[in-house]
Structures are given as C-alpha cells and as structure tokens.
Amino acid sequence: MAACLVATPVSVSARQSTDHSGSSTIEMAELPPQARTTYALIKEGGPFAHDKDGAVFGNYERQLPRARRGYYREYTVKTPGARNRGARRIVCGGPVRTPDACYYTNDHYASFREIKE
C-alpha cells in the first residue's frame, strides 16, 4: 500500500533546521550586511528603496511552507555592483512589522534559508 502524506498546519517555530521544502536556517550574523540592513528596515516598516518592496510574494516555486495568498511579502536585498534589484531577497510571512518568519534567498527564489535571530 502506498504511503499517504497529509498536510497539516505546522508553526514555523516548530520546524526543524531542514524541512521537506529544502529550506534551512541562517543566523542573523551569517547574513551579508545588506541583508541585515533590509531585515532591520522590515522591522521598522521602511522606508524601502524599491517600489516592489513589501509586495505580495506568491511562493509559486513552492520553496516556502504553503500559506494563504498575501501571507508572504518580499523585500530587496541590495547586491553590490548590480544595476537592477539583483537576485537577493528577504521574504517574510505574517504581519508586516512582526512577521512569523523571514527567509533569505541569494539565488532569486531557487532556495531559501529561514533567518534566526
């Protein structure tokens, strides 16, 4: 008989360092300085450098835990030398100034690491 997987809600804090989506964790001190600056701005509510900062992130790649539309928001992490927004982002889920969890990607959504304070 084939195994059956049932999706159940799991709090982000209950997840282990690596979960089924392949995401892992990263300590705040391990983030590049530009990501730490962006994270601080998220907690302060801005101001942000790009119009798309704070826009809804659709999680189309399904790299993050499933959530309702509008749960995730994305923010640009400045990439030194980039002429555009670059590939680095922080994506946070939950309330804007007090998110449930934030994730860092340096490869434009191909992989994420949950930020641990």
PDB file of N, CA and C in Angstrom:
ATOM      1  N   MET A   1       0.852  -1.177   0.000  1.00  0.00           N
ATOM      2  CA  MET A   1       0.000   0.000   0.000  1.00  0.00           C
ATOM      3  C   MET A   1       0.891   1.230   0.000  1.00  0.00           C
ATOM      4  N   ALA A   2       0.556   2.227  -0.787  1.00  0.00           N
ATOM      5  CA  ALA A   2       1.346   3.454  -0.905  1.00  0.00           C
ATOM      6  C   ALA A   2       1.142   4.339   0.308  1.00  0.00           C
ATOM      7  N   ALA A   3       2.200   5.024   0.682  1.00  0.00           N
ATOM      8  CA  ALA A   3       2.122   5.946   1.818  1.00  0.00           C
ATOM      9  C   ALA A   3       1.311   7.167   1.413  1.00  0.00           C
ATOM     10  N   CYS A   4       0.583   7.695   2.345  1.00  0.00           N
ATOM     11  CA  CYS A   4      -0.245   8.872   2.089  1.00  0.00           C
ATOM     12  C   CYS A   4       0.261  10.008   2.968  1.00  0.00           C
ATOM     13  N   LEU A   5       0.558  11.140   2.368  1.00  0.00           N
ATOM     14  CA  LEU A   5       1.001  12.308   3.117  1.00  0.00           C
ATOM     15  C   LEU A   5      -0.177  13.240   3.324  1.00  0.00           C
ATOM     16  N   VAL A   6      -0.349  13.694   4.532  1.00  0.00           N
ATOM     17  CA  VAL A   6      -1.423  14.605   4.856  1.00  0.00           C
ATOM     18  C   VAL A   6      -0.820  15.929   5.294  1.00  0.00           C
ATOM     19  N   ALA A   7      -1.229  17.011   4.641  1.00  0.00           N
ATOM     20  CA  ALA A   7      -0.721  18.334   5.008  1.00  0.00           C
ATOM     21  C   ALA A   7      -1.443  18.816   6.254  1.00  0.00           C
ATOM     22  N   THR A   8      -0.668  19.154   7.266  1.00  0.00           N
ATOM     23  CA  THR A   8      -1.234  19.713   8.483  1.00  0.00           C
ATOM     24  C   THR A   8      -0.512  21.001   8.798  1.00  0.00           C
ATOM     25  N   PRO A   9      -1.227  21.984   9.350  1.00  0.00           N
ATOM     26  CA  PRO A   9      -0.550  23.231   9.685  1.00  0.00           C
ATOM     27  C   PRO A   9       0.507  23.011  10.752  1.00  0.00           C
ATOM     28  N   VAL A  10       1.685  23.551  10.530  1.00  0.00           N
ATOM     29  CA  VAL A  10       2.782  23.463  11.486  1.00  0.00           C
ATOM     30  C   VAL A  10       3.318  24.866  11.684  1.00  0.00           C
ATOM     31  N   SER A  11       3.487  25.263  12.926  1.00  0.00           N
ATOM     32  CA  SER A  11       4.044  26.588  13.156  1.00  0.00           C
ATOM     33  C   SER A  11       5.476  26.617  12.663  1.00  0.00           C
ATOM     34  N   VAL A  12       5.875  27.777  12.182  1.00  0.00           N
ATOM     35  CA  VAL A  12       7.230  27.917  11.655  1.00  0.00           C
ATOM     36  C   VAL A  12       8.256  27.593  12.729  1.00  0.00           C
ATOM     37  N   SER A  13       7.988  27.978  13.967  1.00  0.00           N
ATOM     38  CA  SER A  13       8.952  27.743  15.036  1.00  0.00           C
ATOM     39  C   SER A  13       9.101  26.252  15.345  1.00  0.00           C
ATOM     40  N   ALA A  14       8.123  25.436  14.969  1.00  0.00           N
ATOM     41  CA  ALA A  14       8.190  24.014  15.252  1.00  0.00           C
ATOM     42  C   ALA A  14       8.993  23.260  14.202  1.00  0.00           C
ATOM     43  N   ARG A  15       9.339  23.906  13.097  1.00  0.00           N
ATOM     44  CA  ARG A  15      10.082  23.249  12.040  1.00  0.00           C
ATOM     45  C   ARG A  15      11.511  22.994  12.469  1.00  0.00           C
ATOM     46  N   GLN A  16      12.078  21.922  11.928  1.00  0.00           N
ATOM     47  CA  GLN A  16      13.471  21.620  12.213  1.00  0.00           C
ATOM     48  C   GLN A  16      14.358  22.460  11.309  1.00  0.00           C
ATOM     49  N   SER A  17      15.661  22.359  11.464  1.00  0.00           N
ATOM     50  CA  SER A  17      16.578  23.185  10.703  1.00  0.00           C
ATOM     51  C   SER A  17      16.490  22.934   9.201  1.00  0.00           C
ATOM     52  N   THR A  18      16.074  21.754   8.783  1.00  0.00           N
ATOM     53  CA  THR A  18      15.794  21.490   7.380  1.00  0.00           C
ATOM     54  C   THR A  18      14.469  20.756   7.312  1.00  0.00           C
ATOM     55  N   ASP A  19      13.545  21.276   6.479  1.00  0.00           N
ATOM     56  CA  ASP A  19      12.236  20.644   6.375  1.00  0.00           C
ATOM     57  C   ASP A  19      12.034  20.079   4.979  1.00  0.00           C
ATOM     58  N   HIS A  20      10.821  19.624   4.720  1.00  0.00           N
ATOM     59  CA  HIS A  20      10.509  18.984   3.446  1.00  0.00           C
ATOM     60  C   HIS A  20      10.693  19.905   2.247  1.00  0.00           C
ATOM     61  N   SER A  21      10.642  21.214   2.418  1.00  0.00           N
ATOM     62  CA  SER A  21      10.786  22.133   1.289  1.00  0.00           C
ATOM     63  C   SER A  21      12.248  22.369   0.939  1.00  0.00           C
ATOM     64  N   GLY A  22      13.171  21.839   1.745  1.00  0.00           N
ATOM     65  CA  GLY A  22      14.587  22.011   1.459  1.00  0.00           C
ATOM     66  C   GLY A  22      15.165  23.270   2.073  1.00  0.00           C
ATOM     67  N   SER A  23      14.343  24.052   2.752  1.00  0.00           N
ATOM     68  CA  SER A  23      14.890  25.266   3.356  1.00  0.00           C
ATOM     69  C   SER A  23      15.653  24.912   4.620  1.00  0.00           C
ATOM     70  N   SER A  24      16.650  25.700   4.920  1.00  0.00           N
ATOM     71  CA  SER A  24      17.426  25.525   6.128  1.00  0.00           C
ATOM     72  C   SER A  24      17.471  26.869   6.842  1.00  0.00           C
ATOM     73  N   THR A  25      18.241  26.956   7.888  1.00  0.00           N
ATOM     74  CA  THR A  25      18.292  28.196   8.657  1.00  0.00           C
ATOM     75  C   THR A  25      19.600  28.930   8.429  1.00  0.00           C
ATOM     76  N   ILE A  26      19.570  30.217   8.738  1.00  0.00           N
ATOM     77  CA  ILE A  26      20.759  31.056   8.713  1.00  0.00           C
ATOM     78  C   ILE A  26      20.670  32.008   9.893  1.00  0.00           C
ATOM     79  N   GLU A  27      21.749  32.123  10.619  1.00  0.00           N
ATOM     80  CA  GLU A  27      21.800  33.040  11.752  1.00  0.00           C
ATOM     81  C   GLU A  27      21.938  34.471  11.237  1.00  0.00           C
ATOM     82  N   MET A  28      21.407  35.419  11.975  1.00  0.00           N
ATOM     83  CA  MET A  28      21.477  36.826  11.595  1.00  0.00           C
ATOM     84  C   MET A  28      22.919  37.244  11.301  1.00  0.00           C
ATOM     85  N   ALA A  29      23.853  36.816  12.112  1.00  0.00           N
ATOM     86  CA  ALA A  29      25.264  37.192  11.941  1.00  0.00           C
ATOM     87  C   ALA A  29      25.873  36.631  10.659  1.00  0.00           C
ATOM     88  N   GLU A  30      25.260  35.581  10.101  1.00  0.00           N
ATOM     89  CA  GLU A  30      25.763  34.987   8.867  1.00  0.00           C
ATOM     90  C   GLU A  30      25.277  35.719   7.618  1.00  0.00           C
ATOM     91  N   LEU A  31      24.247  36.527   7.758  1.00  0.00           N
ATOM     92  CA  LEU A  31      23.703  37.254   6.611  1.00  0.00           C
ATOM     93  C   LEU A  31      24.688  38.311   6.135  1.00  0.00           C
ATOM     94  N   PRO A  32      24.679  38.614   4.834  1.00  0.00           N
ATOM     95  CA  PRO A  32      25.503  39.730   4.376  1.00  0.00           C
ATOM     96  C   PRO A  32      25.002  41.030   5.007  1.00  0.00           C
ATOM     97  N   PRO A  33      25.853  42.031   5.140  1.00  0.00           N
ATOM     98  CA  PRO A  33      25.447  43.277   5.795  1.00  0.00           C
ATOM     99  C   PRO A  33      24.217  43.916   5.148  1.00  0.00           C
ATOM    100  N   GLN A  34      24.091  43.809   3.844  1.00  0.00           N
ATOM    101  CA  GLN A  34      22.934  44.395   3.161  1.00  0.00           C
ATOM    102  C   GLN A  34      21.634  43.702   3.577  1.00  0.00           C
ATOM    103  N   ALA A  35      21.701  42.403   3.836  1.00  0.00           N
ATOM    104  CA  ALA A  35      20.520  41.665   4.284  1.00  0.00           C
ATOM    105  C   ALA A  35      20.153  42.054   5.711  1.00  0.00           C
ATOM    106  N   ARG A  36      21.149  42.265   6.557  1.00  0.00           N
ATOM    107  CA  ARG A  36      20.875  42.706   7.928  1.00  0.00           C
ATOM    108  C   ARG A  36      20.213  44.087   7.909  1.00  0.00           C
ATOM    109  N   THR A  37      20.664  44.964   7.009  1.00  0.00           N
ATOM    110  CA  THR A  37      20.054  46.294   6.877  1.00  0.00           C
ATOM    111  C   THR A  37      18.609  46.174   6.429  1.00  0.00           C
ATOM    112  N   THR A  38      18.355  45.341   5.419  1.00  0.00           N
ATOM    113  CA  THR A  38      16.987  45.143   4.930  1.00  0.00           C
ATOM    114  C   THR A  38      16.102  44.575   6.026  1.00  0.00           C
ATOM    115  N   TYR A  39      16.607  43.614   6.773  1.00  0.00           N
ATOM    116  CA  TYR A  39      15.836  42.999   7.855  1.00  0.00           C
ATOM    117  C   TYR A  39      15.455  44.053   8.903  1.00  0.00           C
ATOM    118  N   ALA A  40      16.399  44.928   9.248  1.00  0.00           N
ATOM    119  CA  ALA A  40      16.111  45.998  10.211  1.00  0.00           C
ATOM    120  C   ALA A  40      15.026  46.928   9.667  1.00  0.00           C
ATOM    121  N   LEU A  41      15.088  47.235   8.375  1.00  0.00           N
ATOM    122  CA  LEU A  41      14.061  48.087   7.759  1.00  0.00           C
ATOM    123  C   LEU A  41      12.696  47.421   7.779  1.00  0.00           C
ATOM    124  N   ILE A  42      12.664  46.120   7.584  1.00  0.00           N
ATOM    125  CA  ILE A  42      11.397  45.391   7.645  1.00  0.00           C
ATOM    126  C   ILE A  42      10.775  45.567   9.019  1.00  0.00           C
ATOM    127  N   LYS A  43      11.575  45.386  10.055  1.00  0.00           N
ATOM    128  CA  LYS A  43      11.083  45.517  11.433  1.00  0.00           C
ATOM    129  C   LYS A  43      10.635  46.947  11.759  1.00  0.00           C
ATOM    130  N   GLU A  44      11.241  47.941  11.069  1.00  0.00           N
ATOM    131  CA  GLU A  44      10.898  49.348  11.297  1.00  0.00           C
ATOM    132  C   GLU A  44       9.770  49.828  10.389  1.00  0.00           C
ATOM    133  N   GLY A  45       9.399  49.004   9.408  1.00  0.00           N
ATOM    134  CA  GLY A  45       8.355  49.405   8.479  1.00  0.00           C
ATOM    135  C   GLY A  45       8.857  50.280   7.333  1.00  0.00           C
ATOM    136  N   GLY A  46      10.159  50.264   7.079  1.00  0.00           N
ATOM    137  CA  GLY A  46      10.724  51.026   5.955  1.00  0.00           C
ATOM    138  C   GLY A  46      11.480  52.230   6.451  1.00  0.00           C
ATOM    139  N   PRO A  47      11.838  53.114   5.550  1.00  0.00           N
ATOM    140  CA  PRO A  47      11.490  53.181   4.128  1.00  0.00           C
ATOM    141  C   PRO A  47      12.338  52.226   3.304  1.00  0.00           C
ATOM    142  N   PHE A  48      11.769  51.811   2.169  1.00  0.00           N
ATOM    143  CA  PHE A  48      12.432  50.869   1.284  1.00  0.00           C
ATOM    144  C   PHE A  48      12.832  51.557  -0.009  1.00  0.00           C
ATOM    145  N   ALA A  49      13.881  51.045  -0.633  1.00  0.00           N
ATOM    146  CA  ALA A  49      14.449  51.668  -1.837  1.00  0.00           C
ATOM    147  C   ALA A  49      13.673  51.350  -3.110  1.00  0.00           C
ATOM    148  N   HIS A  50      12.924  50.255  -3.105  1.00  0.00           N
ATOM    149  CA  HIS A  50      12.256  49.814  -4.333  1.00  0.00           C
ATOM    150  C   HIS A  50      10.745  49.778  -4.158  1.00  0.00           C
ATOM    151  N   ASP A  51      10.030  50.158  -5.200  1.00  0.00           N
ATOM    152  CA  ASP A  51       8.564  50.143  -5.161  1.00  0.00           C
ATOM    153  C   ASP A  51       8.002  48.755  -4.881  1.00  0.00           C
ATOM    154  N   LYS A  52       8.700  47.723  -5.328  1.00  0.00           N
ATOM    155  CA  LYS A  52       8.201  46.355  -5.148  1.00  0.00           C
ATOM    156  C   LYS A  52       8.448  45.816  -3.749  1.00  0.00           C
ATOM    157  N   ASP A  53       9.238  46.520  -2.940  1.00  0.00           N
ATOM    158  CA  ASP A  53       9.479  46.055  -1.577  1.00  0.00           C
ATOM    159  C   ASP A  53       8.169  46.087  -0.797  1.00  0.00           C
ATOM    160  N   GLY A  54       7.861  44.970  -0.157  1.00  0.00           N
ATOM    161  CA  GLY A  54       6.613  44.836   0.580  1.00  0.00           C
ATOM    162  C   GLY A  54       5.484  44.267  -0.261  1.00  0.00           C
ATOM    163  N   ALA A  55       5.766  43.980  -1.548  1.00  0.00           N
ATOM    164  CA  ALA A  55       4.752  43.395  -2.426  1.00  0.00           C
ATOM    165  C   ALA A  55       4.508  41.938  -2.041  1.00  0.00           C
ATOM    166  N   VAL A  56       3.323  41.470  -2.355  1.00  0.00           N
ATOM    167  CA  VAL A  56       2.974  40.081  -2.072  1.00  0.00           C
ATOM    168  C   VAL A  56       3.876  39.149  -2.865  1.00  0.00           C
ATOM    169  N   PHE A  57       4.399  38.149  -2.176  1.00  0.00           N
ATOM    170  CA  PHE A  57       5.219  37.103  -2.784  1.00  0.00           C
ATOM    171  C   PHE A  57       4.325  35.882  -2.946  1.00  0.00           C
ATOM    172  N   GLY A  58       4.195  35.393  -4.172  1.00  0.00           N
ATOM    173  CA  GLY A  58       3.261  34.312  -4.460  1.00  0.00           C
ATOM    174  C   GLY A  58       3.715  32.914  -4.094  1.00  0.00           C
ATOM    175  N   ASN A  59       4.985  32.702  -3.797  1.00  0.00           N
ATOM    176  CA  ASN A  59       5.518  31.386  -3.455  1.00  0.00           C
ATOM    177  C   ASN A  59       5.226  30.366  -4.569  1.00  0.00           C
ATOM    178  N   TYR A  60       5.272  30.820  -5.820  1.00  0.00           N
ATOM    179  CA  TYR A  60       4.977  29.946  -6.950  1.00  0.00           C
ATOM    180  C   TYR A  60       5.969  28.801  -7.071  1.00  0.00           C
ATOM    181  N   GLU A  61       7.185  29.028  -6.602  1.00  0.00           N
ATOM    182  CA  GLU A  61       8.203  27.986  -6.656  1.00  0.00           C
ATOM    183  C   GLU A  61       7.968  26.927  -5.584  1.00  0.00           C
ATOM    184  N   ARG A  62       7.105  27.234  -4.642  1.00  0.00           N
ATOM    185  CA  ARG A  62       6.754  26.340  -3.524  1.00  0.00           C
ATOM    186  C   ARG A  62       7.971  25.927  -2.706  1.00  0.00           C
ATOM    187  N   GLN A  63       8.881  26.864  -2.519  1.00  0.00           N
ATOM    188  CA  GLN A  63      10.063  26.620  -1.698  1.00  0.00           C
ATOM    189  C   GLN A  63       9.780  26.909  -0.221  1.00  0.00           C
ATOM    190  N   LEU A  64       8.750  27.689   0.046  1.00  0.00           N
ATOM    191  CA  LEU A  64       8.380  28.032   1.426  1.00  0.00           C
ATOM    192  C   LEU A  64       7.136  27.247   1.826  1.00  0.00           C
ATOM    193  N   PRO A  65       6.871  27.140   3.123  1.00  0.00           N
ATOM    194  CA  PRO A  65       5.660  26.441   3.550  1.00  0.00           C
ATOM    195  C   PRO A  65       4.414  27.071   2.911  1.00  0.00           C
ATOM    196  N   ARG A  66       3.463  26.248   2.575  1.00  0.00           N
ATOM    197  CA  ARG A  66       2.224  26.734   1.963  1.00  0.00           C
ATOM    198  C   ARG A  66       1.505  27.664   2.921  1.00  0.00           C
ATOM    199  N   ALA A  67       0.927  28.700   2.345  1.00  0.00           N
ATOM    200  CA  ALA A  67       0.179  29.677   3.136  1.00  0.00           C
ATOM    201  C   ALA A  67      -0.828  30.359   2.220  1.00  0.00           C
ATOM    202  N   ARG A  68      -1.775  31.038   2.808  1.00  0.00           N
ATOM    203  CA  ARG A  68      -2.791  31.745   2.025  1.00  0.00           C
ATOM    204  C   ARG A  68      -2.148  32.856   1.201  1.00  0.00           C
ATOM    205  N   ARG A  69      -2.780  33.227   0.113  1.00  0.00           N
ATOM    206  CA  ARG A  69      -2.316  34.323  -0.746  1.00  0.00           C
ATOM    207  C   ARG A  69      -2.231  35.596   0.094  1.00  0.00           C
ATOM    208  N   GLY A  70      -1.139  36.313  -0.033  1.00  0.00           N
ATOM    209  CA  GLY A  70      -0.943  37.551   0.713  1.00  0.00           C
ATOM    210  C   GLY A  70      -0.182  37.376   2.012  1.00  0.00           C
ATOM    211  N   TYR A  71       0.079  36.135   2.407  1.00  0.00           N
ATOM    212  CA  TYR A  71       0.791  35.874   3.657  1.00  0.00           C
ATOM    213  C   TYR A  71       2.254  36.306   3.567  1.00  0.00           C
ATOM    214  N   TYR A  72       2.887  36.032   2.413  1.00  0.00           N
ATOM    215  CA  TYR A  72       4.296  36.357   2.236  1.00  0.00           C
ATOM    216  C   TYR A  72       4.473  37.690   1.515  1.00  0.00           C
ATOM    217  N   ARG A  73       5.500  38.453   1.946  1.00  0.00           N
ATOM    218  CA  ARG A  73       5.877  39.706   1.281  1.00  0.00           C
ATOM    219  C   ARG A  73       7.385  39.659   1.039  1.00  0.00           C
ATOM    220  N   GLU A  74       7.807  40.268  -0.066  1.00  0.00           N
ATOM    221  CA  GLU A  74       9.221  40.224  -0.418  1.00  0.00           C
ATOM    222  C   GLU A  74       9.874  41.591  -0.345  1.00  0.00           C
ATOM    223  N   TYR A  75      11.167  41.574  -0.055  1.00  0.00           N
ATOM    224  CA  TYR A  75      11.967  42.792   0.095  1.00  0.00           C
ATOM    225  C   TYR A  75      13.316  42.585  -0.578  1.00  0.00           C
ATOM    226  N   THR A  76      13.775  43.603  -1.262  1.00  0.00           N
ATOM    227  CA  THR A  76      15.043  43.556  -1.975  1.00  0.00           C
ATOM    228  C   THR A  76      16.211  43.674  -1.010  1.00  0.00           C
ATOM    229  N   VAL A  77      17.211  42.849  -1.207  1.00  0.00           N
ATOM    230  CA  VAL A  77      18.482  42.974  -0.505  1.00  0.00           C
ATOM    231  C   VAL A  77      19.474  43.498  -1.534  1.00  0.00           C
ATOM    232  N   LYS A  78      20.029  44.657  -1.273  1.00  0.00           N
ATOM    233  CA  LYS A  78      20.948  45.276  -2.222  1.00  0.00           C
ATOM    234  C   LYS A  78      22.100  44.336  -2.551  1.00  0.00           C
ATOM    235  N   THR A  79      22.405  44.262  -3.835  1.00  0.00           N
ATOM    236  CA  THR A  79      23.515  43.460  -4.311  1.00  0.00           C
ATOM    237  C   THR A  79      24.585  44.412  -4.832  1.00  0.00           C
ATOM    238  N   PRO A  80      25.735  44.490  -4.173  1.00  0.00           N
ATOM    239  CA  PRO A  80      26.780  45.392  -4.638  1.00  0.00           C
ATOM    240  C   PRO A  80      27.130  45.144  -6.106  1.00  0.00           C
ATOM    241  N   GLY A  81      27.177  46.210  -6.877  1.00  0.00           N
ATOM    242  CA  GLY A  81      27.533  46.119  -8.286  1.00  0.00           C
ATOM    243  C   GLY A  81      26.381  45.809  -9.220  1.00  0.00           C
ATOM    244  N   ALA A  82      25.224  45.415  -8.692  1.00  0.00           N
ATOM    245  CA  ALA A  82      24.079  45.091  -9.553  1.00  0.00           C
ATOM    246  C   ALA A  82      23.443  46.373 -10.075  1.00  0.00           C
ATOM    247  N   ARG A  83      23.055  46.363 -11.338  1.00  0.00           N
ATOM    248  CA  ARG A  83      22.406  47.518 -11.942  1.00  0.00           C
ATOM    249  C   ARG A  83      20.885  47.449 -11.794  1.00  0.00           C
ATOM    250  N   ASN A  84      20.395  46.298 -11.352  1.00  0.00           N
ATOM    251  CA  ASN A  84      18.971  46.137 -11.117  1.00  0.00           C
ATOM    252  C   ASN A  84      18.784  45.672  -9.671  1.00  0.00           C
ATOM    253  N   ARG A  85      17.641  45.103  -9.366  1.00  0.00           N
ATOM    254  CA  ARG A  85      17.374  44.662  -7.997  1.00  0.00           C
ATOM    255  C   ARG A  85      18.235  43.474  -7.582  1.00  0.00           C
ATOM    256  N   GLY A  86      18.865  42.819  -8.507  1.00  0.00           N
ATOM    257  CA  GLY A  86      19.692  41.672  -8.166  1.00  0.00           C
ATOM    258  C   GLY A  86      18.856  40.457  -7.808  1.00  0.00           C
ATOM    259  N   ALA A  87      19.514  39.422  -7.308  1.00  0.00           N
ATOM    260  CA  ALA A  87      18.852  38.148  -7.027  1.00  0.00           C
ATOM    261  C   ALA A  87      18.551  37.932  -5.549  1.00  0.00           C
ATOM    262  N   ARG A  88      19.024  38.819  -4.694  1.00  0.00           N
ATOM    263  CA  ARG A  88      18.887  38.600  -3.245  1.00  0.00           C
ATOM    264  C   ARG A  88      17.599  39.225  -2.720  1.00  0.00           C
ATOM    265  N   ARG A  89      16.885  38.464  -1.891  1.00  0.00           N
ATOM    266  CA  ARG A  89      15.636  38.941  -1.295  1.00  0.00           C
ATOM    267  C   ARG A  89      15.494  38.391   0.123  1.00  0.00           C
ATOM    268  N   ILE A  90      14.667  39.078   0.884  1.00  0.00           N
ATOM    269  CA  ILE A  90      14.131  38.532   2.121  1.00  0.00           C
ATOM    270  C   ILE A  90      12.628  38.452   1.920  1.00  0.00           C
ATOM    271  N   VAL A  91      12.071  37.300   2.240  1.00  0.00           N
ATOM    272  CA  VAL A  91      10.630  37.086   2.151  1.00  0.00           C
ATOM    273  C   VAL A  91      10.137  36.783   3.556  1.00  0.00           C
ATOM    274  N   CYS A  92       9.135  37.558   3.998  1.00  0.00           N
ATOM    275  CA  CYS A  92       8.591  37.370   5.346  1.00  0.00           C
ATOM    276  C   CYS A  92       7.122  36.973   5.270  1.00  0.00           C
ATOM    277  N   GLY A  93       6.718  36.138   6.213  1.00  0.00           N
ATOM    278  CA  GLY A  93       5.334  35.708   6.301  1.00  0.00           C
ATOM    279  C   GLY A  93       4.697  36.214   7.576  1.00  0.00           C
ATOM    280  N   GLY A  94       3.448  36.639   7.458  1.00  0.00           N
ATOM    281  CA  GLY A  94       2.700  37.102   8.621  1.00  0.00           C
ATOM    282  C   GLY A  94       2.604  38.612   8.664  1.00  0.00           C
ATOM    283  N   PRO A  95       2.339  39.163   9.848  1.00  0.00           N
ATOM    284  CA  PRO A  95       2.188  40.613   9.978  1.00  0.00           C
ATOM    285  C   PRO A  95       3.442  41.357   9.505  1.00  0.00           C
ATOM    286  N   VAL A  96       3.245  42.526   8.902  1.00  0.00           N
ATOM    287  CA  VAL A  96       4.336  43.245   8.258  1.00  0.00           C
ATOM    288  C   VAL A  96       5.483  43.569   9.212  1.00  0.00           C
ATOM    289  N   ARG A  97       5.224  44.205  10.335  1.00  0.00           N
ATOM    290  CA  ARG A  97       6.318  44.604  11.233  1.00  0.00           C
ATOM    291  C   ARG A  97       6.727  43.532  12.221  1.00  0.00           C
ATOM    292  N   THR A  98       5.887  42.561  12.419  1.00  0.00           N
ATOM    293  CA  THR A  98       6.193  41.469  13.342  1.00  0.00           C
ATOM    294  C   THR A  98       5.936  40.128  12.654  1.00  0.00           C
ATOM    295  N   PRO A  99       6.722  39.825  11.625  1.00  0.00           N
ATOM    296  CA  PRO A  99       6.470  38.596  10.857  1.00  0.00           C
ATOM    297  C   PRO A  99       6.651  37.340  11.689  1.00  0.00           C
ATOM    298  N   ASP A 100       5.937  36.305  11.262  1.00  0.00           N
ATOM    299  CA  ASP A 100       6.063  34.994  11.901  1.00  0.00           C
ATOM    300  C   ASP A 100       7.424  34.383  11.590  1.00  0.00           C
ATOM    301  N   ALA A 101       7.893  34.590  10.366  1.00  0.00           N
ATOM    302  CA  ALA A 101       9.189  34.059   9.932  1.00  0.00           C
ATOM    303  C   ALA A 101       9.646  34.837   8.708  1.00  0.00           C
ATOM    304  N   CYS A 102      10.967  34.949   8.563  1.00  0.00           N
ATOM    305  CA  CYS A 102      11.568  35.575   7.389  1.00  0.00           C
ATOM    306  C   CYS A 102      12.595  34.624   6.806  1.00  0.00           C
ATOM    307  N   TYR A 103      12.718  34.673   5.501  1.00  0.00           N
ATOM    308  CA  TYR A 103      13.606  33.782   4.770  1.00  0.00           C
ATOM    309  C   TYR A 103      14.508  34.601   3.850  1.00  0.00           C
ATOM    310  N   TYR A 104      15.746  34.152   3.708  1.00  0.00           N
ATOM    311  CA  TYR A 104      16.719  34.815   2.844  1.00  0.00           C
ATOM    312  C   TYR A 104      16.991  33.949   1.630  1.00  0.00           C
ATOM    313  N   THR A 105      17.033  34.567   0.450  1.00  0.00           N
ATOM    314  CA  THR A 105      17.454  33.883  -0.771  1.00  0.00           C
ATOM    315  C   THR A 105      18.497  34.736  -1.469  1.00  0.00           C
ATOM    316  N   ASN A 106      19.533  34.092  -1.947  1.00  0.00           N
ATOM    317  CA  ASN A 106      20.541  34.819  -2.714  1.00  0.00           C
ATOM    318  C   ASN A 106      20.552  34.365  -4.167  1.00  0.00           C
ATOM    319  N   ASP A 107      19.574  33.520  -4.526  1.00  0.00           N
ATOM    320  CA  ASP A 107      19.511  32.969  -5.877  1.00  0.00           C
ATOM    321  C   ASP A 107      18.127  33.139  -6.519  1.00  0.00           C
ATOM    322  N   HIS A 108      17.501  34.252  -6.216  1.00  0.00           N
ATOM    323  CA  HIS A 108      16.209  34.634  -6.799  1.00  0.00           C
ATOM    324  C   HIS A 108      15.172  33.530  -6.689  1.00  0.00           C
ATOM    325  N   TYR A 109      14.926  33.095  -5.457  1.00  0.00           N
ATOM    326  CA  TYR A 109      13.858  32.167  -5.083  1.00  0.00           C
ATOM    327  C   TYR A 109      14.136  30.695  -5.365  1.00  0.00           C
ATOM    328  N   ALA A 110      15.318  30.345  -5.838  1.00  0.00           N
ATOM    329  CA  ALA A 110      15.607  28.919  -6.078  1.00  0.00           C
ATOM    330  C   ALA A 110      15.761  28.170  -4.761  1.00  0.00           C
ATOM    331  N   SER A 111      16.236  28.871  -3.707  1.00  0.00           N
ATOM    332  CA  SER A 111      16.371  28.260  -2.392  1.00  0.00           C
ATOM    333  C   SER A 111      16.200  29.353  -1.336  1.00  0.00           C
ATOM    334  N   PHE A 112      15.807  28.938  -0.153  1.00  0.00           N
ATOM    335  CA  PHE A 112      15.613  29.866   0.965  1.00  0.00           C
ATOM    336  C   PHE A 112      16.240  29.295   2.225  1.00  0.00           C
ATOM    337  N   ARG A 113      16.634  30.195   3.104  1.00  0.00           N
ATOM    338  CA  ARG A 113      17.093  29.821   4.444  1.00  0.00           C
ATOM    339  C   ARG A 113      16.322  30.672   5.440  1.00  0.00           C
ATOM    340  N   GLU A 114      15.734  30.042   6.436  1.00  0.00           N
ATOM    341  CA  GLU A 114      14.987  30.779   7.442  1.00  0.00           C
ATOM    342  C   GLU A 114      15.950  31.556   8.329  1.00  0.00           C
ATOM    343  N   ILE A 115      15.668  32.837   8.530  1.00  0.00           N
ATOM    344  CA  ILE A 115      16.523  33.706   9.341  1.00  0.00           C
ATOM    345  C   ILE A 115      16.225  33.471  10.812  1.00  0.00           C
ATOM    346  N   LYS A 116      17.264  33.214  11.569  1.00  0.00           N
ATOM    347  CA  LYS A 116      17.160  33.037  13.017  1.00  0.00           C
ATOM    348  C   LYS A 116      17.852  34.208  13.709  1.00  0.00           C
ATOM    349  N   GLU A 117      17.140  34.831  14.617  1.00  0.00           N
ATOM    350  CA  GLU A 117      17.737  35.985  15.335  1.00  0.00           C
ATOM    351  C   GLU A 117      18.605  35.516  16.467  1.00  0.00           C
TER     352      GLU A 117
END
